[in-house]
Each structure stands twice: as structure tokens, then as C-alpha cells.
């Protein structure tokens, strides 16, 4: 996975040039906390559903857990997965810092 490009540094809460990279203003920390909790809840739901799906399939004689762990996507699927991941990251970063060039 490639990292998202860094947004340009902007003035800090005092209006001075930042001494380090600042992506969010201090008043956005609550927003960030809510976003992280929302993502954590969604990840947990997806983990539960995946485990349940693997269990249901195993009960029906289809043990896919090891096959999933060993699976290596081909170039076409990997390209699609990479594009979907990039779109997700762009949308997430856009929600956290609207108007920041990505």
C-alpha cells in the first residue's frame, strides 16, 4: 500500500508557521476521535462477519480460512484492490481535512 501524499503544512492555531507537520487543527481532535471510533466499530463488525462466514463455510465442509491466508491475488485483482484502497484513503482524508489537496 502506498502512502497518501502529504498535505502542505499550514499555520498552527496561533497563526505562526508550524514547527512540524500539522494535518489537523487542535479544535478538530474531537472530530478525529469520532472518526477513529467509527472506523474501529466498522472494522470490528467486518471482522465478526468474516469469522462467522469462515465458520459457516467450515460447518458445510468448505474450510477457506487457510486458503484465504495463503492466497496471492493476480496482477488484475491486485490493481483493483489497490485502486479501491486508494479511493477509500482519499475519501477518509477528505472527510478529516476538507479542502486539503490530496
PDB file of N, CA and C in Angstrom:
ATOM      1  N   UNK A   1       0.845  -1.166   0.000  1.00  0.00           N
ATOM      2  CA  UNK A   1       0.000   0.000   0.000  1.00  0.00           C
ATOM      3  C   UNK A   1       0.886   1.222   0.000  1.00  0.00           C
ATOM      4  N   UNK A   2       0.603   2.159  -0.883  1.00  0.00           N
ATOM      5  CA  UNK A   2       1.401   3.371  -0.916  1.00  0.00           C
ATOM      6  C   UNK A   2       0.769   4.406  -0.004  1.00  0.00           C
ATOM      7  N   UNK A   3       1.601   5.227   0.587  1.00  0.00           N
ATOM      8  CA  UNK A   3       1.122   6.254   1.497  1.00  0.00           C
ATOM      9  C   UNK A   3       0.508   7.391   0.701  1.00  0.00           C
ATOM     10  N   UNK A   4      -0.482   8.035   1.328  1.00  0.00           N
ATOM     11  CA  UNK A   4      -1.097   9.194   0.698  1.00  0.00           C
ATOM     12  C   UNK A   4      -0.087  10.335   0.690  1.00  0.00           C
ATOM     13  N   UNK A   5      -0.114  11.180  -0.331  1.00  0.00           N
ATOM     14  CA  UNK A   5       0.814  12.297  -0.355  1.00  0.00           C
ATOM     15  C   UNK A   5       0.555  13.231   0.825  1.00  0.00           C
ATOM     16  N   UNK A   6       1.604  13.821   1.342  1.00  0.00           N
ATOM     17  CA  UNK A   6       1.474  14.718   2.482  1.00  0.00           C
ATOM     18  C   UNK A   6       0.831  16.024   2.038  1.00  0.00           C
ATOM     19  N   UNK A   7      -0.062  16.523   2.896  1.00  0.00           N
ATOM     20  CA  UNK A   7      -0.670  17.817   2.641  1.00  0.00           C
ATOM     21  C   UNK A   7       0.334  18.903   3.011  1.00  0.00           C
ATOM     22  N   UNK A   8       0.256  20.046   2.360  1.00  0.00           N
ATOM     23  CA  UNK A   8       1.188  21.113   2.715  1.00  0.00           C
ATOM     24  C   UNK A   8       0.939  21.570   4.151  1.00  0.00           C
ATOM     25  N   UNK A   9       2.013  21.945   4.835  1.00  0.00           N
ATOM     26  CA  UNK A   9       1.873  22.437   6.203  1.00  0.00           C
ATOM     27  C   UNK A   9       1.125  23.754   6.174  1.00  0.00           C
ATOM     28  N   UNK A  10       0.325  23.987   7.212  1.00  0.00           N
ATOM     29  CA  UNK A  10      -0.402  25.251   7.291  1.00  0.00           C
ATOM     30  C   UNK A  10      -0.101  25.888   8.641  1.00  0.00           C
ATOM     31  N   UNK A  11      -0.449  27.128   8.774  1.00  0.00           N
ATOM     32  CA  UNK A  11      -0.194  27.827  10.030  1.00  0.00           C
ATOM     33  C   UNK A  11      -0.897  27.119  11.170  1.00  0.00           C
ATOM     34  N   UNK A  12      -0.286  27.144  12.339  1.00  0.00           N
ATOM     35  CA  UNK A  12      -0.906  26.499  13.501  1.00  0.00           C
ATOM     36  C   UNK A  12      -1.956  27.420  14.118  1.00  0.00           C
ATOM     37  N   UNK A  13      -2.516  27.015  15.263  1.00  0.00           N
ATOM     38  CA  UNK A  13      -3.616  27.750  15.888  1.00  0.00           C
ATOM     39  C   UNK A  13      -3.232  29.191  16.211  1.00  0.00           C
ATOM     40  N   UNK A  14      -1.970  29.479  16.438  1.00  0.00           N
ATOM     41  CA  UNK A  14      -1.536  30.840  16.754  1.00  0.00           C
ATOM     42  C   UNK A  14      -1.285  31.663  15.494  1.00  0.00           C
ATOM     43  N   UNK A  15      -1.363  31.041  14.332  1.00  0.00           N
ATOM     44  CA  UNK A  15      -1.112  31.729  13.076  1.00  0.00           C
ATOM     45  C   UNK A  15       0.338  31.665  12.637  1.00  0.00           C
ATOM     46  N   UNK A  16       1.194  31.132  13.509  1.00  0.00           N
ATOM     47  CA  UNK A  16       2.610  31.018  13.175  1.00  0.00           C
ATOM     48  C   UNK A  16       2.834  29.819  12.274  1.00  0.00           C
ATOM     49  N   UNK A  17       3.923  29.857  11.543  1.00  0.00           N
ATOM     50  CA  UNK A  17       4.278  28.707  10.718  1.00  0.00           C
ATOM     51  C   UNK A  17       4.533  27.515  11.637  1.00  0.00           C
ATOM     52  N   UNK A  18       4.064  26.344  11.261  1.00  0.00           N
ATOM     53  CA  UNK A  18       4.251  25.182  12.131  1.00  0.00           C
ATOM     54  C   UNK A  18       5.722  24.780  12.213  1.00  0.00           C
ATOM     55  N   UNK A  19       6.101  24.249  13.370  1.00  0.00           N
ATOM     56  CA  UNK A  19       7.463  23.764  13.532  1.00  0.00           C
ATOM     57  C   UNK A  19       7.566  22.313  13.121  1.00  0.00           C
ATOM     58  N   UNK A  20       6.450  21.649  12.927  1.00  0.00           N
ATOM     59  CA  UNK A  20       6.407  20.270  12.460  1.00  0.00           C
ATOM     60  C   UNK A  20       5.156  20.126  11.606  1.00  0.00           C
ATOM     61  N   UNK A  21       5.027  19.019  10.926  1.00  0.00           N
ATOM     62  CA  UNK A  21       3.865  18.784  10.071  1.00  0.00           C
ATOM     63  C   UNK A  21       2.591  18.727  10.920  1.00  0.00           C
ATOM     64  N   UNK A  22       1.607  19.512  10.558  1.00  0.00           N
ATOM     65  CA  UNK A  22       0.309  19.502  11.245  1.00  0.00           C
ATOM     66  C   UNK A  22      -0.772  19.261  10.211  1.00  0.00           C
ATOM     67  N   UNK A  23      -1.521  18.188  10.394  1.00  0.00           N
ATOM     68  CA  UNK A  23      -2.585  17.846   9.453  1.00  0.00           C
ATOM     69  C   UNK A  23      -3.925  18.381   9.939  1.00  0.00           C
ATOM     70  N   UNK A  24      -4.154  18.308  11.240  1.00  0.00           N
ATOM     71  CA  UNK A  24      -5.413  18.747  11.822  1.00  0.00           C
ATOM     72  C   UNK A  24      -5.170  19.875  12.812  1.00  0.00           C
ATOM     73  N   UNK A  25      -6.104  20.786  12.866  1.00  0.00           N
ATOM     74  CA  UNK A  25      -6.045  21.845  13.865  1.00  0.00           C
ATOM     75  C   UNK A  25      -6.470  21.272  15.217  1.00  0.00           C
ATOM     76  N   UNK A  26      -5.994  21.838  16.305  1.00  0.00           N
ATOM     77  CA  UNK A  26      -6.351  21.310  17.628  1.00  0.00           C
ATOM     78  C   UNK A  26      -7.852  21.189  17.849  1.00  0.00           C
ATOM     79  N   UNK A  27      -8.634  22.104  17.307  1.00  0.00           N
ATOM     80  CA  UNK A  27     -10.087  22.041  17.509  1.00  0.00           C
ATOM     81  C   UNK A  27     -10.746  20.886  16.738  1.00  0.00           C
ATOM     82  N   UNK A  28      -9.986  20.194  15.904  1.00  0.00           N
ATOM     83  CA  UNK A  28     -10.517  19.056  15.162  1.00  0.00           C
ATOM     84  C   UNK A  28     -10.256  17.719  15.846  1.00  0.00           C
ATOM     85  N   UNK A  29      -9.646  17.716  17.026  1.00  0.00           N
ATOM     86  CA  UNK A  29      -9.321  16.463  17.698  1.00  0.00           C
ATOM     87  C   UNK A  29     -10.561  15.655  18.046  1.00  0.00           C
ATOM     88  N   UNK A  30     -11.642  16.313  18.463  1.00  0.00           N
ATOM     89  CA  UNK A  30     -12.880  15.581  18.742  1.00  0.00           C
ATOM     90  C   UNK A  30     -13.407  14.912  17.478  1.00  0.00           C
ATOM     91  N   UNK A  31     -13.339  15.620  16.352  1.00  0.00           N
ATOM     92  CA  UNK A  31     -13.767  15.037  15.079  1.00  0.00           C
ATOM     93  C   UNK A  31     -12.922  13.815  14.745  1.00  0.00           C
ATOM     94  N   UNK A  32     -11.627  13.929  14.961  1.00  0.00           N
ATOM     95  CA  UNK A  32     -10.730  12.811  14.697  1.00  0.00           C
ATOM     96  C   UNK A  32     -11.072  11.625  15.594  1.00  0.00           C
ATOM     97  N   UNK A  33     -11.315  11.898  16.861  1.00  0.00           N
ATOM     98  CA  UNK A  33     -11.686  10.827  17.791  1.00  0.00           C
ATOM     99  C   UNK A  33     -12.953  10.112  17.351  1.00  0.00           C
ATOM    100  N   UNK A  34     -13.965  10.880  16.937  1.00  0.00           N
ATOM    101  CA  UNK A  34     -15.216  10.269  16.462  1.00  0.00           C
ATOM    102  C   UNK A  34     -14.966   9.429  15.216  1.00  0.00           C
ATOM    103  N   UNK A  35     -14.130   9.930  14.319  1.00  0.00           N
ATOM    104  CA  UNK A  35     -13.819   9.183  13.084  1.00  0.00           C
ATOM    105  C   UNK A  35     -13.117   7.869  13.409  1.00  0.00           C
ATOM    106  N   UNK A  36     -12.151   7.921  14.322  1.00  0.00           N
ATOM    107  CA  UNK A  36     -11.416   6.708  14.694  1.00  0.00           C
ATOM    108  C   UNK A  36     -12.363   5.689  15.331  1.00  0.00           C
ATOM    109  N   UNK A  37     -13.236   6.125  16.220  1.00  0.00           N
ATOM    110  CA  UNK A  37     -14.188   5.207  16.850  1.00  0.00           C
ATOM    111  C   UNK A  37     -15.160   4.618  15.830  1.00  0.00           C
ATOM    112  N   UNK A  38     -15.597   5.428  14.874  1.00  0.00           N
ATOM    113  CA  UNK A  38     -16.486   4.931  13.825  1.00  0.00           C
ATOM    114  C   UNK A  38     -15.785   3.871  12.993  1.00  0.00           C
ATOM    115  N   UNK A  39     -14.547   4.128  12.620  1.00  0.00           N
ATOM    116  CA  UNK A  39     -13.785   3.143  11.850  1.00  0.00           C
ATOM    117  C   UNK A  39     -13.532   1.875  12.660  1.00  0.00           C
ATOM    118  N   UNK A  40     -13.216   2.033  13.935  1.00  0.00           N
ATOM    119  CA  UNK A  40     -12.965   0.867  14.782  1.00  0.00           C
ATOM    120  C   UNK A  40     -14.215   0.000  14.888  1.00  0.00           C
ATOM    121  N   UNK A  41     -15.380   0.623  15.055  1.00  0.00           N
ATOM    122  CA  UNK A  41     -16.633  -0.152  15.108  1.00  0.00           C
ATOM    123  C   UNK A  41     -16.861  -0.912  13.810  1.00  0.00           C
ATOM    124  N   UNK A  42     -16.636  -0.233  12.684  1.00  0.00           N
ATOM    125  CA  UNK A  42     -16.844  -0.866  11.389  1.00  0.00           C
ATOM    126  C   UNK A  42     -15.869  -2.015  11.172  1.00  0.00           C
ATOM    127  N   UNK A  43     -14.616  -1.828  11.547  1.00  0.00           N
ATOM    128  CA  UNK A  43     -13.629  -2.906  11.431  1.00  0.00           C
ATOM    129  C   UNK A  43     -14.065  -4.097  12.266  1.00  0.00           C
ATOM    130  N   UNK A  44     -14.554  -3.842  13.478  1.00  0.00           N
ATOM    131  CA  UNK A  44     -14.971  -4.949  14.336  1.00  0.00           C
ATOM    132  C   UNK A  44     -16.144  -5.714  13.718  1.00  0.00           C
ATOM    133  N   UNK A  45     -17.104  -4.995  13.152  1.00  0.00           N
ATOM    134  CA  UNK A  45     -18.242  -5.651  12.502  1.00  0.00           C
ATOM    135  C   UNK A  45     -17.746  -6.514  11.346  1.00  0.00           C
ATOM    136  N   UNK A  46     -16.840  -5.980  10.543  1.00  0.00           N
ATOM    137  CA  UNK A  46     -16.312  -6.745   9.411  1.00  0.00           C
ATOM    138  C   UNK A  46     -15.534  -7.968   9.878  1.00  0.00           C
ATOM    139  N   UNK A  47     -14.761  -7.839  10.957  1.00  0.00           N
ATOM    140  CA  UNK A  47     -14.019  -8.989  11.498  1.00  0.00           C
ATOM    141  C   UNK A  47     -14.983 -10.070  11.966  1.00  0.00           C
ATOM    142  N   UNK A  48     -16.020  -9.655  12.698  1.00  0.00           N
ATOM    143  CA  UNK A  48     -17.021 -10.626  13.152  1.00  0.00           C
ATOM    144  C   UNK A  48     -17.662 -11.349  11.968  1.00  0.00           C
ATOM    145  N   UNK A  49     -18.068 -10.583  10.981  1.00  0.00           N
ATOM    146  CA  UNK A  49     -18.740 -11.188   9.827  1.00  0.00           C
ATOM    147  C   UNK A  49     -17.806 -12.137   9.080  1.00  0.00           C
ATOM    148  N   UNK A  50     -16.546 -11.768   8.933  1.00  0.00           N
ATOM    149  CA  UNK A  50     -15.603 -12.653   8.249  1.00  0.00           C
ATOM    150  C   UNK A  50     -15.435 -13.957   9.026  1.00  0.00           C
ATOM    151  N   UNK A  51     -15.247 -13.847  10.339  1.00  0.00           N
ATOM    152  CA  UNK A  51     -15.082 -15.056  11.166  1.00  0.00           C
ATOM    153  C   UNK A  51     -16.324 -15.944  11.099  1.00  0.00           C
ATOM    154  N   UNK A  52     -17.496 -15.313  11.141  1.00  0.00           N
ATOM    155  CA  UNK A  52     -18.751 -16.082  11.060  1.00  0.00           C
ATOM    156  C   UNK A  52     -18.859 -16.754   9.701  1.00  0.00           C
ATOM    157  N   UNK A  53     -18.542 -16.034   8.627  1.00  0.00           N
ATOM    158  CA  UNK A  53     -18.596 -16.622   7.286  1.00  0.00           C
ATOM    159  C   UNK A  53     -17.658 -17.812   7.179  1.00  0.00           C
ATOM    160  N   UNK A  54     -16.429 -17.664   7.677  1.00  0.00           N
ATOM    161  CA  UNK A  54     -15.476 -18.776   7.641  1.00  0.00           C
ATOM    162  C   UNK A  54     -16.000 -19.964   8.446  1.00  0.00           C
ATOM    163  N   UNK A  55     -16.615 -19.699   9.591  1.00  0.00           N
ATOM    164  CA  UNK A  55     -17.153 -20.767  10.437  1.00  0.00           C
ATOM    165  C   UNK A  55     -18.321 -21.480   9.739  1.00  0.00           C
ATOM    166  N   UNK A  56     -19.237 -20.714   9.162  1.00  0.00           N
ATOM    167  CA  UNK A  56     -20.388 -21.300   8.460  1.00  0.00           C
ATOM    168  C   UNK A  56     -19.911 -22.156   7.291  1.00  0.00           C
ATOM    169  N   UNK A  57     -18.953 -21.652   6.529  1.00  0.00           N
ATOM    170  CA  UNK A  57     -18.429 -22.438   5.415  1.00  0.00           C
ATOM    171  C   UNK A  57     -17.748 -23.711   5.911  1.00  0.00           C
ATOM    172  N   UNK A  58     -16.984 -23.615   7.006  1.00  0.00           N
ATOM    173  CA  UNK A  58     -16.318 -24.797   7.564  1.00  0.00           C
ATOM    174  C   UNK A  58     -17.345 -25.827   8.023  1.00  0.00           C
ATOM    175  N   UNK A  59     -18.440 -25.379   8.629  1.00  0.00           N
ATOM    176  CA  UNK A  59     -19.509 -26.302   9.043  1.00  0.00           C
ATOM    177  C   UNK A  59     -20.114 -27.036   7.849  1.00  0.00           C
ATOM    178  N   UNK A  60     -20.054 -26.416   6.686  1.00  0.00           N
ATOM    179  CA  UNK A  60     -20.607 -27.018   5.470  1.00  0.00           C
ATOM    180  C   UNK A  60     -19.525 -27.722   4.654  1.00  0.00           C
ATOM    181  N   UNK A  61     -18.347 -27.890   5.248  1.00  0.00           N
ATOM    182  CA  UNK A  61     -17.284 -28.650   4.597  1.00  0.00           C
ATOM    183  C   UNK A  61     -16.367 -27.849   3.702  1.00  0.00           C
ATOM    184  N   UNK A  62     -16.477 -26.546   3.752  1.00  0.00           N
ATOM    185  CA  UNK A  62     -15.621 -25.697   2.924  1.00  0.00           C
ATOM    186  C   UNK A  62     -14.729 -24.892   3.866  1.00  0.00           C
ATOM    187  N   UNK A  63     -13.510 -25.376   4.099  1.00  0.00           N
ATOM    188  CA  UNK A  63     -12.587 -24.707   5.008  1.00  0.00           C
ATOM    189  C   UNK A  63     -11.752 -23.716   4.211  1.00  0.00           C
ATOM    190  N   UNK A  64     -12.111 -22.435   4.296  1.00  0.00           N
ATOM    191  CA  UNK A  64     -11.464 -21.426   3.467  1.00  0.00           C
ATOM    192  C   UNK A  64     -10.439 -20.584   4.223  1.00  0.00           C
ATOM    193  N   UNK A  65     -10.401 -20.661   5.539  1.00  0.00           N
ATOM    194  CA  UNK A  65      -9.535 -19.776   6.323  1.00  0.00           C
ATOM    195  C   UNK A  65      -8.071 -19.882   5.885  1.00  0.00           C
ATOM    196  N   UNK A  66      -7.548 -21.096   5.769  1.00  0.00           N
ATOM    197  CA  UNK A  66      -6.156 -21.263   5.345  1.00  0.00           C
ATOM    198  C   UNK A  66      -5.947 -20.833   3.898  1.00  0.00           C
ATOM    199  N   UNK A  67      -6.924 -21.122   3.049  1.00  0.00           N
ATOM    200  CA  UNK A  67      -6.808 -20.732   1.643  1.00  0.00           C
ATOM    201  C   UNK A  67      -6.753 -19.212   1.510  1.00  0.00           C
ATOM    202  N   UNK A  68      -7.541 -18.511   2.319  1.00  0.00           N
ATOM    203  CA  UNK A  68      -7.530 -17.042   2.284  1.00  0.00           C
ATOM    204  C   UNK A  68      -6.173 -16.528   2.747  1.00  0.00           C
ATOM    205  N   UNK A  69      -5.641 -17.110   3.824  1.00  0.00           N
ATOM    206  CA  UNK A  69      -4.341 -16.676   4.342  1.00  0.00           C
ATOM    207  C   UNK A  69      -3.226 -16.851   3.314  1.00  0.00           C
ATOM    208  N   UNK A  70      -3.302 -17.908   2.514  1.00  0.00           N
ATOM    209  CA  UNK A  70      -2.244 -18.215   1.544  1.00  0.00           C
ATOM    210  C   UNK A  70      -2.461 -17.563   0.175  1.00  0.00           C
ATOM    211  N   UNK A  71      -3.641 -17.047  -0.076  1.00  0.00           N
ATOM    212  CA  UNK A  71      -3.990 -16.542  -1.398  1.00  0.00           C
ATOM    213  C   UNK A  71      -3.141 -15.329  -1.790  1.00  0.00           C
ATOM    214  N   UNK A  72      -2.627 -15.344  -3.008  1.00  0.00           N
ATOM    215  CA  UNK A  72      -1.887 -14.230  -3.586  1.00  0.00           C
ATOM    216  C   UNK A  72      -2.657 -13.751  -4.814  1.00  0.00           C
ATOM    217  N   UNK A  73      -3.239 -12.553  -4.757  1.00  0.00           N
ATOM    218  CA  UNK A  73      -4.007 -12.085  -5.919  1.00  0.00           C
ATOM    219  C   UNK A  73      -3.123 -11.874  -7.138  1.00  0.00           C
ATOM    220  N   UNK A  74      -3.704 -12.126  -8.286  1.00  0.00           N
ATOM    221  CA  UNK A  74      -3.012 -11.870  -9.545  1.00  0.00           C
ATOM    222  C   UNK A  74      -2.934 -10.377  -9.813  1.00  0.00           C
ATOM    223  N   UNK A  75      -2.212  -9.988 -10.855  1.00  0.00           N
ATOM    224  CA  UNK A  75      -1.995  -8.563 -11.144  1.00  0.00           C
ATOM    225  C   UNK A  75      -3.292  -7.776 -11.342  1.00  0.00           C
ATOM    226  N   UNK A  76      -4.267  -8.352 -12.027  1.00  0.00           N
ATOM    227  CA  UNK A  76      -5.521  -7.635 -12.285  1.00  0.00           C
ATOM    228  C   UNK A  76      -6.290  -7.381 -10.996  1.00  0.00           C
ATOM    229  N   UNK A  77      -6.446  -8.418 -10.175  1.00  0.00           N
ATOM    230  CA  UNK A  77      -7.144  -8.255  -8.900  1.00  0.00           C
ATOM    231  C   UNK A  77      -6.363  -7.317  -7.986  1.00  0.00           C
ATOM    232  N   UNK A  78      -5.044  -7.446  -7.941  1.00  0.00           N
ATOM    233  CA  UNK A  78      -4.236  -6.572  -7.082  1.00  0.00           C
ATOM    234  C   UNK A  78      -4.398  -5.116  -7.496  1.00  0.00           C
ATOM    235  N   UNK A  79      -4.445  -4.864  -8.797  1.00  0.00           N
ATOM    236  CA  UNK A  79      -4.637  -3.498  -9.293  1.00  0.00           C
ATOM    237  C   UNK A  79      -5.982  -2.948  -8.822  1.00  0.00           C
ATOM    238  N   UNK A  80      -7.025  -3.775  -8.896  1.00  0.00           N
ATOM    239  CA  UNK A  80      -8.356  -3.350  -8.454  1.00  0.00           C
ATOM    240  C   UNK A  80      -8.378  -3.099  -6.940  1.00  0.00           C
ATOM    241  N   UNK A  81      -7.746  -3.986  -6.165  1.00  0.00           N
ATOM    242  CA  UNK A  81      -7.682  -3.811  -4.717  1.00  0.00           C
ATOM    243  C   UNK A  81      -6.931  -2.529  -4.365  1.00  0.00           C
ATOM    244  N   UNK A  82      -5.824  -2.278  -5.044  1.00  0.00           N
ATOM    245  CA  UNK A  82      -5.042  -1.063  -4.793  1.00  0.00           C
ATOM    246  C   UNK A  82      -5.856   0.191  -5.101  1.00  0.00           C
ATOM    247  N   UNK A  83      -6.602   0.172  -6.206  1.00  0.00           N
ATOM    248  CA  UNK A  83      -7.418   1.330  -6.585  1.00  0.00           C
ATOM    249  C   UNK A  83      -8.533   1.568  -5.570  1.00  0.00           C
ATOM    250  N   UNK A  84      -9.169   0.503  -5.109  1.00  0.00           N
ATOM    251  CA  UNK A  84     -10.225   0.642  -4.107  1.00  0.00           C
ATOM    252  C   UNK A  84      -9.662   1.175  -2.792  1.00  0.00           C
ATOM    253  N   UNK A  85      -8.483   0.699  -2.406  1.00  0.00           N
ATOM    254  CA  UNK A  85      -7.841   1.175  -1.172  1.00  0.00           C
ATOM    255  C   UNK A  85      -7.504   2.654  -1.298  1.00  0.00           C
ATOM    256  N   UNK A  86      -6.945   3.054  -2.426  1.00  0.00           N
ATOM    257  CA  UNK A  86      -6.577   4.460  -2.636  1.00  0.00           C
ATOM    258  C   UNK A  86      -7.808   5.359  -2.581  1.00  0.00           C
ATOM    259  N   UNK A  87      -8.919   4.914  -3.183  1.00  0.00           N
ATOM    260  CA  UNK A  87     -10.150   5.704  -3.151  1.00  0.00           C
ATOM    261  C   UNK A  87     -10.676   5.823  -1.727  1.00  0.00           C
ATOM    262  N   UNK A  88     -10.594   4.749  -0.958  1.00  0.00           N
ATOM    263  CA  UNK A  88     -11.036   4.761   0.431  1.00  0.00           C
ATOM    264  C   UNK A  88     -10.201   5.742   1.248  1.00  0.00           C
ATOM    265  N   UNK A  89      -8.886   5.687   1.093  1.00  0.00           N
ATOM    266  CA  UNK A  89      -7.996   6.574   1.844  1.00  0.00           C
ATOM    267  C   UNK A  89      -8.253   8.025   1.454  1.00  0.00           C
ATOM    268  N   UNK A  90      -8.433   8.285   0.173  1.00  0.00           N
ATOM    269  CA  UNK A  90      -8.702   9.652  -0.286  1.00  0.00           C
ATOM    270  C   UNK A  90     -10.008  10.178   0.312  1.00  0.00           C
ATOM    271  N   UNK A  91     -11.035   9.338   0.332  1.00  0.00           N
ATOM    272  CA  UNK A  91     -12.320   9.750   0.906  1.00  0.00           C
ATOM    273  C   UNK A  91     -12.184  10.004   2.409  1.00  0.00           C
ATOM    274  N   UNK A  92     -11.468   9.134   3.099  1.00  0.00           N
ATOM    275  CA  UNK A  92     -11.275   9.281   4.536  1.00  0.00           C
ATOM    276  C   UNK A  92     -10.519  10.579   4.846  1.00  0.00           C
ATOM    277  N   UNK A  93      -9.405  10.797   4.152  1.00  0.00           N
ATOM    278  CA  UNK A  93      -8.629  12.007   4.385  1.00  0.00           C
ATOM    279  C   UNK A  93      -9.412  13.260   4.000  1.00  0.00           C
ATOM    280  N   UNK A  94     -10.217  13.162   2.961  1.00  0.00           N
ATOM    281  CA  UNK A  94     -11.051  14.292   2.565  1.00  0.00           C
ATOM    282  C   UNK A  94     -12.086  14.631   3.628  1.00  0.00           C
ATOM    283  N   UNK A  95     -12.601  13.631   4.325  1.00  0.00           N
ATOM    284  CA  UNK A  95     -13.558  13.869   5.409  1.00  0.00           C
ATOM    285  C   UNK A  95     -12.873  14.485   6.625  1.00  0.00           C
ATOM    286  N   UNK A  96     -11.637  14.090   6.874  1.00  0.00           N
ATOM    287  CA  UNK A  96     -10.911  14.606   8.031  1.00  0.00           C
ATOM    288  C   UNK A  96     -10.424  16.035   7.808  1.00  0.00           C
ATOM    289  N   UNK A  97     -10.052  16.358   6.593  1.00  0.00           N
ATOM    290  CA  UNK A  97      -9.500  17.686   6.310  1.00  0.00           C
ATOM    291  C   UNK A  97     -10.038  18.194   4.976  1.00  0.00           C
ATOM    292  N   UNK A  98     -11.321  18.589   4.959  1.00  0.00           N
ATOM    293  CA  UNK A  98     -11.903  19.077   3.700  1.00  0.00           C
ATOM    294  C   UNK A  98     -11.116  20.272   3.157  1.00  0.00           C
ATOM    295  N   UNK A  99     -10.942  20.285   1.853  1.00  0.00           N
ATOM    296  CA  UNK A  99     -10.250  21.385   1.206  1.00  0.00           C
ATOM    297  C   UNK A  99      -8.749  21.224   1.142  1.00  0.00           C
ATOM    298  N   UNK A 100      -8.189  20.213   1.825  1.00  0.00           N
ATOM    299  CA  UNK A 100      -6.756  19.985   1.781  1.00  0.00           C
ATOM    300  C   UNK A 100      -6.444  19.199   0.512  1.00  0.00           C
ATOM    301  N   UNK A 101      -5.516  19.679  -0.305  1.00  0.00           N
ATOM    302  CA  UNK A 101      -5.172  18.918  -1.515  1.00  0.00           C
ATOM    303  C   UNK A 101      -4.595  17.550  -1.140  1.00  0.00           C
ATOM    304  N   UNK A 102      -5.078  16.533  -1.822  1.00  0.00           N
ATOM    305  CA  UNK A 102      -4.611  15.175  -1.526  1.00  0.00           C
ATOM    306  C   UNK A 102      -3.721  14.667  -2.614  1.00  0.00           C
TER     307      UNK A 102
END
